[in-house]
């Protein structure tokens, strides 16, 4: 995607110096997608993101939502993600912002309602928190795409230890059954979960659900830390396994590491899991 390379290079004033301090490279396994993520602080960073949203013609609505979130979270702990996705003869761009301030769930829902109104499925987000045993939110996110409804996402954390492994597994299973209920997909995930989430080492998983004016996305995403490419690809079969392993390995090599910072596993109500790799460098 040479256009994406040129566009990323032209954003130096937006991305630096933050990208020099912390950056992630992103790739998907089911379609041509590449992206990057960085972390920023302060009103100056907010202003630069506002400029980018307008430069990419994402609309005044996107700029307004971002401004509201930035103000609510005091311009702190913002992660900015930029992605380019190729569809046939065109490349689509999208921007997402994530605020890591760990608000109470009711506060996060109030923020979403203030931006999106009551047409979005706030009760689905509330129900996911209940199924996971959470009354706080780790990340509050907005995903902005030209000409398409905005997605609002809440990320819930699950702390895994040898003692909590089974309880976390059961919470995830119930959440998947509720929001991505496809027996074959659930069984595939359940068979492989213990390869992605260690029973012995303490770590944190993230579970997210996306809602928009069009309804709740029929999928649930689980982000697993520290997964090597060959293990990640084991969720798939045949040629897709080989392609995914090669793509995720290339992503790790580009970031100078041997494992993924996080593997995003999206369990869908139809079809196979969708994998997305994140590889950070410092």
Protein backbone atom coordinates (compact mmCIF):
# COMPACT_ATOMS: atom_id res chain seq x y z
CA UNK A 1 0.00 0.00 0.00
CA UNK A 2 2.38 2.73 -1.19
CA UNK A 3 -0.23 5.45 -0.67
CA UNK A 4 -0.40 4.53 2.99
CA UNK A 5 3.39 4.74 3.26
CA UNK A 6 3.36 8.22 1.79
CA UNK A 7 0.49 9.34 4.02
CA UNK A 8 2.19 8.03 7.17
CA UNK A 9 5.39 9.85 6.23
CA UNK A 10 3.47 13.08 5.74
CA UNK A 11 2.13 12.91 9.31
CA UNK A 12 5.48 13.44 10.99
CA UNK A 13 4.30 16.62 12.72
CA UNK A 14 1.36 14.70 14.21
CA UNK A 15 3.17 11.49 15.15
CA UNK A 16 6.46 12.76 16.52
CA UNK A 17 7.86 12.92 19.12
CA UNK A 18 5.34 10.47 20.61
CA UNK A 19 6.09 7.70 18.12
CA UNK A 20 9.77 7.86 19.07
CA UNK A 21 8.82 7.27 22.70
CA UNK A 22 6.28 4.48 22.23
CA UNK A 23 4.96 2.94 19.05
CA UNK A 24 3.16 -0.16 17.84
CA UNK A 25 2.92 -1.64 14.36
CA UNK A 26 -0.34 -3.38 13.41
CA UNK A 27 -1.30 -5.98 10.81
CA UNK A 28 -4.36 -8.14 10.18
CA UNK A 29 -4.39 -11.68 8.85
CA UNK A 30 -7.67 -11.86 6.93
CA UNK A 31 -7.29 -8.82 4.66
CA UNK A 32 -4.62 -6.26 3.68
CA UNK A 33 -4.46 -3.91 6.67
CA UNK A 34 -1.57 -2.02 8.20
CA UNK A 35 -1.49 0.49 10.98
CA UNK A 36 0.38 2.17 13.76
CA UNK A 37 -0.40 3.25 17.29
CA UNK A 38 1.19 5.79 19.61
CA UNK A 39 0.51 7.30 23.01
CA UNK A 40 0.14 11.03 23.72
CA UNK A 41 -0.60 13.45 26.55
CA UNK A 42 -1.73 17.03 26.90
CA UNK A 43 -3.89 19.55 25.10
CA UNK A 44 -1.25 20.05 22.41
CA UNK A 45 -1.52 16.40 21.41
CA UNK A 46 -5.32 16.75 21.38
CA UNK A 47 -5.00 19.71 19.01
CA UNK A 48 -2.81 17.71 16.62
CA UNK A 49 -5.30 14.83 16.57
CA UNK A 50 -8.10 17.33 15.87
CA UNK A 51 -6.13 18.61 12.89
CA UNK A 52 -5.65 15.07 11.60
CA UNK A 53 -9.36 14.27 11.83
CA UNK A 54 -10.14 17.31 9.69
CA UNK A 55 -7.27 16.63 7.29
CA UNK A 56 -8.62 13.12 6.69
CA UNK A 57 -12.18 14.47 6.19
CA UNK A 58 -13.66 12.45 9.00
CA UNK A 59 -16.26 15.13 9.66
CA UNK A 60 -17.11 17.58 12.39
CA UNK A 61 -18.93 14.85 14.30
CA UNK A 62 -15.69 12.89 14.74
CA UNK A 63 -13.83 15.98 15.86
CA UNK A 64 -16.58 16.80 18.36
CA UNK A 65 -16.62 13.30 19.87
CA UNK A 66 -12.85 13.28 20.20
CA UNK A 67 -12.87 16.72 21.82
CA UNK A 68 -15.49 15.59 24.35
CA UNK A 69 -13.52 12.48 25.29
CA UNK A 70 -10.27 14.41 25.54
CA UNK A 71 -11.88 16.98 27.83
CA UNK A 72 -13.56 14.33 29.99
CA UNK A 73 -10.26 12.52 30.48
CA UNK A 74 -8.23 15.73 30.99
CA UNK A 75 -6.17 15.14 27.81
CA UNK A 76 -4.32 12.28 29.55
CA UNK A 77 -3.32 8.77 28.49
CA UNK A 78 -4.59 8.90 24.95
CA UNK A 79 -3.67 6.20 22.46
CA UNK A 80 -4.05 7.13 18.78
CA UNK A 81 -4.42 4.38 16.18
CA UNK A 82 -4.26 4.93 12.42
CA UNK A 83 -5.11 2.13 10.00
CA UNK A 84 -5.11 1.69 6.25
CA UNK A 85 -7.15 -1.13 4.71
CA UNK A 86 -7.13 -2.10 1.03
CA UNK A 87 -10.43 -3.07 -0.61
CA UNK A 88 -10.04 -3.95 -4.30
CA UNK A 89 -9.05 -0.69 -5.99
CA UNK A 90 -9.29 1.63 -2.99
CA UNK A 91 -7.69 2.17 0.40
CA UNK A 92 -9.87 3.08 3.36
CA UNK A 93 -8.49 4.95 6.36
CA UNK A 94 -9.72 4.99 9.91
CA UNK A 95 -8.71 6.69 13.14
CA UNK A 96 -9.37 5.44 16.65
CA UNK A 97 -8.67 7.06 20.01
CA UNK A 98 -8.45 5.16 23.29
CA UNK A 99 -8.42 6.79 26.71
CA UNK A 100 -7.00 4.74 29.58
CA UNK A 101 -8.34 6.36 32.76
CA UNK A 102 -10.33 3.45 34.25
CA UNK A 103 -13.64 5.22 34.90
CA UNK A 104 -16.56 3.54 36.60
CA UNK A 105 -18.77 1.71 34.11
CA UNK A 106 -21.70 4.06 34.65
CA UNK A 107 -19.43 7.04 33.98
CA UNK A 108 -18.17 5.49 30.73
CA UNK A 109 -21.73 4.74 29.61
CA UNK A 110 -22.71 8.31 30.37
CA UNK A 111 -19.87 9.57 28.16
CA UNK A 112 -20.96 7.34 25.29
CA UNK A 113 -24.58 8.46 25.70
CA UNK A 114 -23.58 12.12 25.64
CA UNK A 115 -21.78 11.60 22.32
CA UNK A 116 -23.96 9.01 20.61
CA UNK A 117 -27.32 9.49 22.23
CA UNK A 118 -29.54 6.67 23.39
CA UNK A 119 -29.77 5.07 19.95
CA UNK A 120 -26.67 2.97 20.68
CA UNK A 121 -26.99 -0.23 22.71
CA UNK A 122 -25.72 0.99 26.06
CA UNK A 123 -27.36 -1.98 27.79
CA UNK A 124 -25.17 -4.37 25.79
CA UNK A 125 -22.05 -2.65 27.13
CA UNK A 126 -23.47 -2.75 30.63
CA UNK A 127 -24.29 -6.45 30.27
CA UNK A 128 -20.78 -7.29 29.09
CA UNK A 129 -19.34 -5.59 32.17
CA UNK A 130 -21.66 -7.66 34.37
CA UNK A 131 -20.75 -10.93 32.65
CA UNK A 132 -17.07 -10.16 33.18
CA UNK A 133 -17.57 -9.11 36.80
CA UNK A 134 -16.38 -5.55 36.12
CA UNK A 135 -17.74 -2.20 37.30
CA UNK A 136 -14.81 -0.25 35.83
CA UNK A 137 -13.61 0.22 32.25
CA UNK A 138 -9.96 0.05 31.22
CA UNK A 139 -10.25 1.91 27.89
CA UNK A 140 -12.98 4.09 26.39
CA UNK A 141 -12.63 4.25 22.62
CA UNK A 142 -14.15 5.88 19.54
CA UNK A 143 -13.47 4.55 16.04
CA UNK A 144 -13.97 7.02 13.18
CA UNK A 145 -14.37 6.06 9.50
CA UNK A 146 -15.24 8.33 6.56
CA UNK A 147 -18.87 8.10 5.57
CA UNK A 148 -19.74 5.41 8.11
CA UNK A 149 -21.23 5.43 11.61
CA UNK A 150 -18.85 5.86 14.50
CA UNK A 151 -18.11 2.87 16.69
CA UNK A 152 -17.90 3.27 20.45
CA UNK A 153 -15.96 0.57 22.29
CA UNK A 154 -15.40 -0.24 25.94
CA UNK A 155 -12.48 -2.46 26.98
CA UNK A 156 -12.70 -4.52 30.17
CA UNK A 157 -9.66 -6.09 31.78
CA UNK A 158 -9.38 -9.62 33.16
CA UNK A 159 -6.41 -10.36 35.44
CA UNK A 160 -5.27 -13.96 35.04
CA UNK A 161 -3.29 -15.87 37.68
CA UNK A 162 -3.00 -19.61 38.37
CA UNK A 163 -5.83 -19.21 40.88
CA UNK A 164 -8.13 -17.13 38.64
CA UNK A 165 -7.52 -18.87 35.30
CA UNK A 166 -10.62 -21.06 35.42
CA UNK A 167 -12.92 -18.29 36.64
CA UNK A 168 -11.71 -15.96 33.86
CA UNK A 169 -12.25 -18.72 31.30
CA UNK A 170 -15.84 -19.18 32.44
CA UNK A 171 -16.55 -15.43 32.31
CA UNK A 172 -15.15 -15.23 28.78
CA UNK A 173 -17.15 -18.25 27.71
CA UNK A 174 -20.41 -16.71 28.96
CA UNK A 175 -19.62 -13.39 27.27
CA UNK A 176 -18.81 -15.10 23.96
CA UNK A 177 -21.99 -17.13 24.12
CA UNK A 178 -24.00 -13.95 24.63
CA UNK A 179 -22.41 -11.69 22.02
CA UNK A 180 -20.83 -14.02 19.44
CA UNK A 181 -22.84 -17.17 19.93
CA UNK A 182 -21.66 -19.56 17.24
CA UNK A 183 -21.02 -23.08 18.61
CA UNK A 184 -18.19 -23.88 16.19
CA UNK A 185 -16.38 -20.60 16.87
CA UNK A 186 -16.84 -20.96 20.63
CA UNK A 187 -15.50 -24.52 20.57
CA UNK A 188 -12.46 -23.50 18.50
CA UNK A 189 -11.69 -20.67 20.93
CA UNK A 190 -12.22 -22.86 24.02
CA UNK A 191 -9.86 -25.52 22.66
CA UNK A 192 -7.08 -22.99 22.09
CA UNK A 193 -7.57 -20.51 24.94
CA UNK A 194 -5.01 -22.13 27.24
CA UNK A 195 -2.33 -21.80 24.52
CA UNK A 196 -2.98 -18.06 24.33
CA UNK A 197 -3.47 -17.40 28.04
CA UNK A 198 -0.88 -18.95 30.35
CA UNK A 199 -2.10 -20.86 33.38
CA UNK A 200 1.18 -20.20 35.20
CA UNK A 201 2.18 -16.57 34.53
CA UNK A 202 0.17 -13.58 35.76
CA UNK A 203 -1.08 -11.42 32.89
CA UNK A 204 -4.00 -9.24 31.83
CA UNK A 205 -6.47 -9.86 28.99
CA UNK A 206 -8.73 -7.22 27.47
CA UNK A 207 -12.26 -7.86 26.23
CA UNK A 208 -14.10 -5.34 24.04
CA UNK A 209 -17.46 -4.84 22.39
CA UNK A 210 -18.33 -2.23 19.74
CA UNK A 211 -21.65 -0.43 19.34
CA UNK A 212 -22.84 2.12 16.79
CA UNK A 213 -26.05 3.73 15.58
CA UNK A 214 -26.44 0.64 13.37
CA UNK A 215 -26.48 -1.65 16.41
CA UNK A 216 -24.03 -3.87 18.28
CA UNK A 217 -21.25 -5.46 16.25
CA UNK A 218 -21.92 -9.24 16.23
CA UNK A 219 -18.50 -10.15 17.57
CA UNK A 220 -16.38 -10.02 20.70
CA UNK A 221 -12.65 -9.27 20.74
CA UNK A 222 -10.14 -10.66 23.23
CA UNK A 223 -6.60 -9.23 23.33
CA UNK A 224 -3.95 -11.66 24.58
CA UNK A 225 -0.43 -10.48 25.54
CA UNK A 226 2.88 -12.05 24.52
CA UNK A 227 1.77 -14.54 21.86
CA UNK A 228 4.31 -15.94 19.37
CA UNK A 229 3.18 -16.00 15.71
CA UNK A 230 3.09 -19.78 15.28
CA UNK A 231 0.82 -20.17 18.31
CA UNK A 232 -1.43 -17.32 17.15
CA UNK A 233 -1.82 -18.87 13.70
CA UNK A 234 -2.93 -22.17 15.26
CA UNK A 235 -6.43 -20.72 15.61
CA UNK A 236 -6.77 -21.05 11.83
CA UNK A 237 -6.60 -23.95 9.36
CA UNK A 238 -4.80 -24.89 6.17
CA UNK A 239 -3.40 -22.12 3.94
CA UNK A 240 -4.83 -19.44 6.25
CA UNK A 241 -2.67 -20.79 9.08
CA UNK A 242 0.50 -20.52 7.01
CA UNK A 243 -0.36 -17.05 5.71
CA UNK A 244 -1.19 -15.77 9.18
CA UNK A 245 1.99 -17.16 10.72
CA UNK A 246 4.15 -15.57 8.00
CA UNK A 247 2.40 -12.21 8.25
CA UNK A 248 2.58 -12.04 12.05
CA UNK A 249 6.22 -13.15 12.02
CA UNK A 250 7.05 -10.34 9.57
CA UNK A 251 5.25 -7.89 11.85
CA UNK A 252 7.34 -8.99 14.84
CA UNK A 253 10.55 -8.76 12.83
CA UNK A 254 9.69 -5.22 11.73
CA UNK A 255 9.33 -4.22 15.40
CA UNK A 256 12.48 -6.08 16.43
CA UNK A 257 10.83 -8.66 18.67
CA UNK A 258 10.01 -12.37 18.65
CA UNK A 259 6.45 -12.28 19.98
CA UNK A 260 3.40 -10.07 19.58
CA UNK A 261 2.77 -7.43 22.21
CA UNK A 262 -0.88 -8.40 21.85
CA UNK A 263 -2.86 -10.71 19.64
CA UNK A 264 -6.40 -9.53 18.99
CA UNK A 265 -8.79 -12.47 18.49
CA UNK A 266 -12.20 -11.44 17.20
CA UNK A 267 -14.79 -14.16 17.63
CA UNK A 268 -17.63 -13.52 15.20
CA UNK A 269 -21.20 -14.73 15.02
CA UNK A 270 -20.35 -16.02 11.53
CA UNK A 271 -17.13 -17.35 10.04
CA UNK A 272 -13.66 -18.02 11.45
CA UNK A 273 -11.83 -15.95 14.07
CA UNK A 274 -10.25 -12.76 12.79
CA UNK A 275 -6.70 -12.13 14.02
CA UNK A 276 -4.91 -8.81 14.37
CA UNK A 277 -1.33 -8.47 15.59
CA UNK A 278 0.22 -5.61 17.57
CA UNK A 279 3.99 -5.32 17.97
CA UNK A 280 5.48 -2.50 20.02
CA UNK A 281 9.00 -1.16 19.94
CA UNK A 282 10.72 1.23 22.37
